[in-house]
């Protein structure tokens, strides 16, 4: 009678399958996201208005006293074919965050005031097939590549785990 495989190879096989499937899903999403980012370079523009600029505070450590970083987001309104829309997405890779990270709140406030003022006229790039889908900065950025990179790492790790489990099971 043949003995069943040891639990360790089964666990490694399970992790390998999970990593490969998850990685493949991230790769598919990442490629679609990247395609959308590059497609946005050809989106039409309309004039919009800055509706609000918000400063966001994020806690970065559990130390005492707590440490924070600051970013800002921009909310805007625009009109396409007589329909009014609201948006807050800055770009396809960074979501609504319109700034780099600042260590001091005053620096984030100053940068926000320098870049965007409530009521200011701005260019809004919108998806002609879904006008509610809009950005202030079209194209790809580092955030656009993140799902693709994670998908590659996860898939590669899964393939490596699969090969490792095969070697363990063969011995």
C-alpha atoms as a PDB file:
ATOM      1  CA  UNK A   1       0.000   0.000   0.000  1.00  0.00           C
ATOM      2  CA  UNK A   2       1.355   3.418  -0.975  1.00  0.00           C
ATOM      3  CA  UNK A   3       1.645   5.993   1.809  1.00  0.00           C
ATOM      4  CA  UNK A   4      -0.079   9.308   1.346  1.00  0.00           C
ATOM      5  CA  UNK A   5       2.134  12.365   0.904  1.00  0.00           C
ATOM      6  CA  UNK A   6       3.414  14.029   4.047  1.00  0.00           C
ATOM      7  CA  UNK A   7       1.447  17.066   5.256  1.00  0.00           C
ATOM      8  CA  UNK A   8       4.341  19.445   4.492  1.00  0.00           C
ATOM      9  CA  UNK A   9       4.268  18.894   0.688  1.00  0.00           C
ATOM     10  CA  UNK A  10       0.462  19.185   0.700  1.00  0.00           C
ATOM     11  CA  UNK A  11       0.674  22.484   2.530  1.00  0.00           C
ATOM     12  CA  UNK A  12       3.359  23.726   0.146  1.00  0.00           C
ATOM     13  CA  UNK A  13       1.274  22.551  -2.851  1.00  0.00           C
ATOM     14  CA  UNK A  14      -1.735  24.442  -1.423  1.00  0.00           C
ATOM     15  CA  UNK A  15       0.307  27.609  -0.903  1.00  0.00           C
ATOM     16  CA  UNK A  16       1.744  27.238  -4.405  1.00  0.00           C
ATOM     17  CA  UNK A  17      -1.692  26.932  -6.003  1.00  0.00           C
ATOM     18  CA  UNK A  18      -2.997  29.883  -3.963  1.00  0.00           C
ATOM     19  CA  UNK A  19       0.019  32.019  -4.947  1.00  0.00           C
ATOM     20  CA  UNK A  20      -0.227  31.125  -8.622  1.00  0.00           C
ATOM     21  CA  UNK A  21      -3.985  31.806  -8.815  1.00  0.00           C
ATOM     22  CA  UNK A  22      -3.754  35.033  -6.784  1.00  0.00           C
ATOM     23  CA  UNK A  23      -0.754  36.170  -8.786  1.00  0.00           C
ATOM     24  CA  UNK A  24      -2.513  35.440 -12.074  1.00  0.00           C
ATOM     25  CA  UNK A  25      -5.555  37.443 -10.923  1.00  0.00           C
ATOM     26  CA  UNK A  26      -3.311  40.390  -9.975  1.00  0.00           C
ATOM     27  CA  UNK A  27      -1.497  40.123 -13.310  1.00  0.00           C
ATOM     28  CA  UNK A  28      -4.787  40.256 -15.214  1.00  0.00           C
ATOM     29  CA  UNK A  29      -6.009  43.199 -13.143  1.00  0.00           C
ATOM     30  CA  UNK A  30      -2.609  44.907 -13.408  1.00  0.00           C
ATOM     31  CA  UNK A  31      -2.528  44.622 -17.190  1.00  0.00           C
ATOM     32  CA  UNK A  32      -6.096  45.947 -17.428  1.00  0.00           C
ATOM     33  CA  UNK A  33      -5.253  48.815 -15.057  1.00  0.00           C
ATOM     34  CA  UNK A  34      -2.122  49.677 -17.035  1.00  0.00           C
ATOM     35  CA  UNK A  35      -4.128  49.633 -20.278  1.00  0.00           C
ATOM     36  CA  UNK A  36      -6.690  51.988 -18.720  1.00  0.00           C
ATOM     37  CA  UNK A  37      -3.930  54.330 -17.576  1.00  0.00           C
ATOM     38  CA  UNK A  38      -2.426  54.559 -21.052  1.00  0.00           C
ATOM     39  CA  UNK A  39      -5.875  54.882 -22.636  1.00  0.00           C
ATOM     40  CA  UNK A  40      -6.569  57.860 -20.350  1.00  0.00           C
ATOM     41  CA  UNK A  41      -3.843  59.793 -22.189  1.00  0.00           C
ATOM     42  CA  UNK A  42      -6.297  60.059 -25.107  1.00  0.00           C
ATOM     43  CA  UNK A  43      -9.347  61.026 -23.038  1.00  0.00           C
ATOM     44  CA  UNK A  44     -10.999  64.341 -23.905  1.00  0.00           C
ATOM     45  CA  UNK A  45     -10.768  67.224 -21.455  1.00  0.00           C
ATOM     46  CA  UNK A  46     -13.273  69.692 -20.117  1.00  0.00           C
ATOM     47  CA  UNK A  47     -12.872  72.646 -17.824  1.00  0.00           C
ATOM     48  CA  UNK A  48     -13.802  71.808 -14.262  1.00  0.00           C
ATOM     49  CA  UNK A  49     -13.715  73.663 -10.975  1.00  0.00           C
ATOM     50  CA  UNK A  50     -11.952  72.780  -7.741  1.00  0.00           C
ATOM     51  CA  UNK A  51     -14.734  72.161  -5.220  1.00  0.00           C
ATOM     52  CA  UNK A  52     -12.575  71.363  -2.173  1.00  0.00           C
ATOM     53  CA  UNK A  53      -9.012  70.675  -1.108  1.00  0.00           C
ATOM     54  CA  UNK A  54      -8.655  68.409   1.921  1.00  0.00           C
ATOM     55  CA  UNK A  55      -5.611  67.690   4.059  1.00  0.00           C
ATOM     56  CA  UNK A  56      -5.376  64.047   5.157  1.00  0.00           C
ATOM     57  CA  UNK A  57      -3.467  62.906   8.226  1.00  0.00           C
ATOM     58  CA  UNK A  58      -2.127  59.347   8.460  1.00  0.00           C
ATOM     59  CA  UNK A  59      -0.548  57.853  11.550  1.00  0.00           C
ATOM     60  CA  UNK A  60       2.711  56.162  10.603  1.00  0.00           C
ATOM     61  CA  UNK A  61       3.901  54.710  13.875  1.00  0.00           C
ATOM     62  CA  UNK A  62       2.715  53.598  17.287  1.00  0.00           C
ATOM     63  CA  UNK A  63       5.467  55.546  19.058  1.00  0.00           C
ATOM     64  CA  UNK A  64       4.829  58.069  21.780  1.00  0.00           C
ATOM     65  CA  UNK A  65       4.239  60.786  20.799  1.00  0.00           C
ATOM     66  CA  UNK A  66       2.532  59.530  17.626  1.00  0.00           C
ATOM     67  CA  UNK A  67       4.028  60.490  14.261  1.00  0.00           C
ATOM     68  CA  UNK A  68       1.907  61.529  11.285  1.00  0.00           C
ATOM     69  CA  UNK A  69       2.275  62.243   7.593  1.00  0.00           C
ATOM     70  CA  UNK A  70       0.068  64.505   5.523  1.00  0.00           C
ATOM     71  CA  UNK A  71      -1.242  64.509   1.951  1.00  0.00           C
ATOM     72  CA  UNK A  72      -3.942  66.435   0.193  1.00  0.00           C
ATOM     73  CA  UNK A  73      -6.831  65.482  -2.037  1.00  0.00           C
ATOM     74  CA  UNK A  74      -8.759  67.574  -4.547  1.00  0.00           C
ATOM     75  CA  UNK A  75     -12.498  67.319  -5.161  1.00  0.00           C
ATOM     76  CA  UNK A  76     -13.767  68.835  -8.393  1.00  0.00           C
ATOM     77  CA  UNK A  77     -16.862  69.285 -10.502  1.00  0.00           C
ATOM     78  CA  UNK A  78     -17.179  69.203 -14.287  1.00  0.00           C
ATOM     79  CA  UNK A  79     -19.826  69.002 -16.975  1.00  0.00           C
ATOM     80  CA  UNK A  80     -20.074  66.672 -19.982  1.00  0.00           C
ATOM     81  CA  UNK A  81     -22.969  66.887 -22.464  1.00  0.00           C
ATOM     82  CA  UNK A  82     -25.053  68.917 -20.035  1.00  0.00           C
ATOM     83  CA  UNK A  83     -24.584  66.453 -17.168  1.00  0.00           C
ATOM     84  CA  UNK A  84     -22.779  67.635 -14.037  1.00  0.00           C
ATOM     85  CA  UNK A  85     -20.290  65.287 -12.359  1.00  0.00           C
ATOM     86  CA  UNK A  86     -18.204  65.301  -9.198  1.00  0.00           C
ATOM     87  CA  UNK A  87     -14.828  63.628  -8.906  1.00  0.00           C
ATOM     88  CA  UNK A  88     -11.917  63.276  -6.553  1.00  0.00           C
ATOM     89  CA  UNK A  89      -9.642  60.899  -8.431  1.00  0.00           C
ATOM     90  CA  UNK A  90      -6.311  62.534  -9.137  1.00  0.00           C
ATOM     91  CA  UNK A  91      -4.823  59.739 -11.245  1.00  0.00           C
ATOM     92  CA  UNK A  92      -5.346  56.064 -11.984  1.00  0.00           C
ATOM     93  CA  UNK A  93      -2.316  55.025  -9.939  1.00  0.00           C
ATOM     94  CA  UNK A  94      -2.661  57.265  -6.915  1.00  0.00           C
ATOM     95  CA  UNK A  95      -6.424  57.413  -6.500  1.00  0.00           C
ATOM     96  CA  UNK A  96      -7.558  60.618  -4.864  1.00  0.00           C
ATOM     97  CA  UNK A  97      -4.190  61.572  -3.359  1.00  0.00           C
ATOM     98  CA  UNK A  98      -3.000  64.599  -5.302  1.00  0.00           C
ATOM     99  CA  UNK A  99       0.288  65.155  -3.509  1.00  0.00           C
ATOM    100  CA  UNK A 100       3.417  63.574  -2.236  1.00  0.00           C
ATOM    101  CA  UNK A 101       3.623  62.785   1.477  1.00  0.00           C
ATOM    102  CA  UNK A 102       4.608  65.593   3.849  1.00  0.00           C
ATOM    103  CA  UNK A 103       5.947  65.241   7.385  1.00  0.00           C
ATOM    104  CA  UNK A 104       4.583  68.619   8.448  1.00  0.00           C
ATOM    105  CA  UNK A 105       0.940  69.605   8.100  1.00  0.00           C
ATOM    106  CA  UNK A 106       1.906  73.206   7.276  1.00  0.00           C
ATOM    107  CA  UNK A 107       3.925  71.993   4.262  1.00  0.00           C
ATOM    108  CA  UNK A 108       0.952  70.010   2.932  1.00  0.00           C
ATOM    109  CA  UNK A 109      -1.324  73.021   3.394  1.00  0.00           C
ATOM    110  CA  UNK A 110       1.145  75.337   1.641  1.00  0.00           C
ATOM    111  CA  UNK A 111       1.610  72.911  -1.275  1.00  0.00           C
ATOM    112  CA  UNK A 112      -2.148  72.460  -1.631  1.00  0.00           C
ATOM    113  CA  UNK A 113      -2.724  76.232  -1.682  1.00  0.00           C
ATOM    114  CA  UNK A 114       0.022  76.649  -4.257  1.00  0.00           C
ATOM    115  CA  UNK A 115      -1.403  73.961  -6.552  1.00  0.00           C
ATOM    116  CA  UNK A 116      -5.188  74.175  -6.129  1.00  0.00           C
ATOM    117  CA  UNK A 117      -7.561  76.860  -4.891  1.00  0.00           C
ATOM    118  CA  UNK A 118     -11.275  76.318  -4.349  1.00  0.00           C
ATOM    119  CA  UNK A 119     -13.076  77.695  -7.405  1.00  0.00           C
ATOM    120  CA  UNK A 120      -9.963  77.442  -9.594  1.00  0.00           C
ATOM    121  CA  UNK A 121     -10.549  76.279 -13.164  1.00  0.00           C
ATOM    122  CA  UNK A 122      -8.766  72.997 -13.972  1.00  0.00           C
ATOM    123  CA  UNK A 123      -8.520  70.514 -16.836  1.00  0.00           C
ATOM    124  CA  UNK A 124     -10.458  67.316 -16.168  1.00  0.00           C
ATOM    125  CA  UNK A 125      -9.767  64.253 -18.317  1.00  0.00           C
ATOM    126  CA  UNK A 126     -12.848  62.041 -18.576  1.00  0.00           C
ATOM    127  CA  UNK A 127     -13.589  58.650 -20.058  1.00  0.00           C
ATOM    128  CA  UNK A 128     -15.796  59.296 -23.123  1.00  0.00           C
ATOM    129  CA  UNK A 129     -17.530  55.927 -22.585  1.00  0.00           C
ATOM    130  CA  UNK A 130     -18.205  56.629 -18.891  1.00  0.00           C
ATOM    131  CA  UNK A 131     -17.982  60.374 -18.193  1.00  0.00           C
ATOM    132  CA  UNK A 132     -18.236  59.867 -14.422  1.00  0.00           C
ATOM    133  CA  UNK A 133     -14.790  58.242 -14.667  1.00  0.00           C
ATOM    134  CA  UNK A 134     -12.355  61.163 -14.612  1.00  0.00           C
ATOM    135  CA  UNK A 135      -8.847  62.155 -13.506  1.00  0.00           C
ATOM    136  CA  UNK A 136      -6.793  65.316 -13.219  1.00  0.00           C
ATOM    137  CA  UNK A 137      -3.574  63.621 -14.308  1.00  0.00           C
ATOM    138  CA  UNK A 138      -3.919  60.998 -17.065  1.00  0.00           C
ATOM    139  CA  UNK A 139      -1.458  58.221 -17.817  1.00  0.00           C
ATOM    140  CA  UNK A 140       0.556  55.784 -15.743  1.00  0.00           C
ATOM    141  CA  UNK A 141       2.582  56.417 -12.615  1.00  0.00           C
ATOM    142  CA  UNK A 142       4.361  54.150 -10.152  1.00  0.00           C
ATOM    143  CA  UNK A 143       1.077  53.187  -8.465  1.00  0.00           C
ATOM    144  CA  UNK A 144      -0.293  51.916 -11.760  1.00  0.00           C
ATOM    145  CA  UNK A 145       2.393  49.241 -11.864  1.00  0.00           C
ATOM    146  CA  UNK A 146       1.904  47.948  -8.299  1.00  0.00           C
ATOM    147  CA  UNK A 147      -0.726  45.232  -9.070  1.00  0.00           C
ATOM    148  CA  UNK A 148       1.376  44.008 -11.994  1.00  0.00           C
ATOM    149  CA  UNK A 149       4.541  43.831  -9.874  1.00  0.00           C
ATOM    150  CA  UNK A 150       2.765  42.044  -7.014  1.00  0.00           C
ATOM    151  CA  UNK A 151       1.197  39.648  -9.510  1.00  0.00           C
ATOM    152  CA  UNK A 152       4.600  38.794 -10.980  1.00  0.00           C
ATOM    153  CA  UNK A 153       6.148  38.267  -7.536  1.00  0.00           C
ATOM    154  CA  UNK A 154       3.240  36.163  -6.278  1.00  0.00           C
ATOM    155  CA  UNK A 155       3.062  34.014  -9.426  1.00  0.00           C
ATOM    156  CA  UNK A 156       6.819  33.459  -9.461  1.00  0.00           C
ATOM    157  CA  UNK A 157       6.780  32.542  -5.780  1.00  0.00           C
ATOM    158  CA  UNK A 158       3.946  30.101  -6.417  1.00  0.00           C
ATOM    159  CA  UNK A 159       5.849  28.419  -9.238  1.00  0.00           C
ATOM    160  CA  UNK A 160       8.907  28.152  -6.986  1.00  0.00           C
ATOM    161  CA  UNK A 161       6.821  26.646  -4.182  1.00  0.00           C
ATOM    162  CA  UNK A 162       5.230  24.203  -6.615  1.00  0.00           C
ATOM    163  CA  UNK A 163       8.659  22.980  -7.748  1.00  0.00           C
ATOM    164  CA  UNK A 164       9.831  22.729  -4.143  1.00  0.00           C
ATOM    165  CA  UNK A 165       6.769  20.642  -3.211  1.00  0.00           C
ATOM    166  CA  UNK A 166       7.396  18.354  -6.200  1.00  0.00           C
ATOM    167  CA  UNK A 167      10.993  17.771  -5.056  1.00  0.00           C
ATOM    168  CA  UNK A 168       9.946  17.087  -1.477  1.00  0.00           C
ATOM    169  CA  UNK A 169       7.228  14.690  -2.609  1.00  0.00           C
ATOM    170  CA  UNK A 170       9.668  12.847  -4.902  1.00  0.00           C
ATOM    171  CA  UNK A 171      12.064  12.112  -2.021  1.00  0.00           C
END
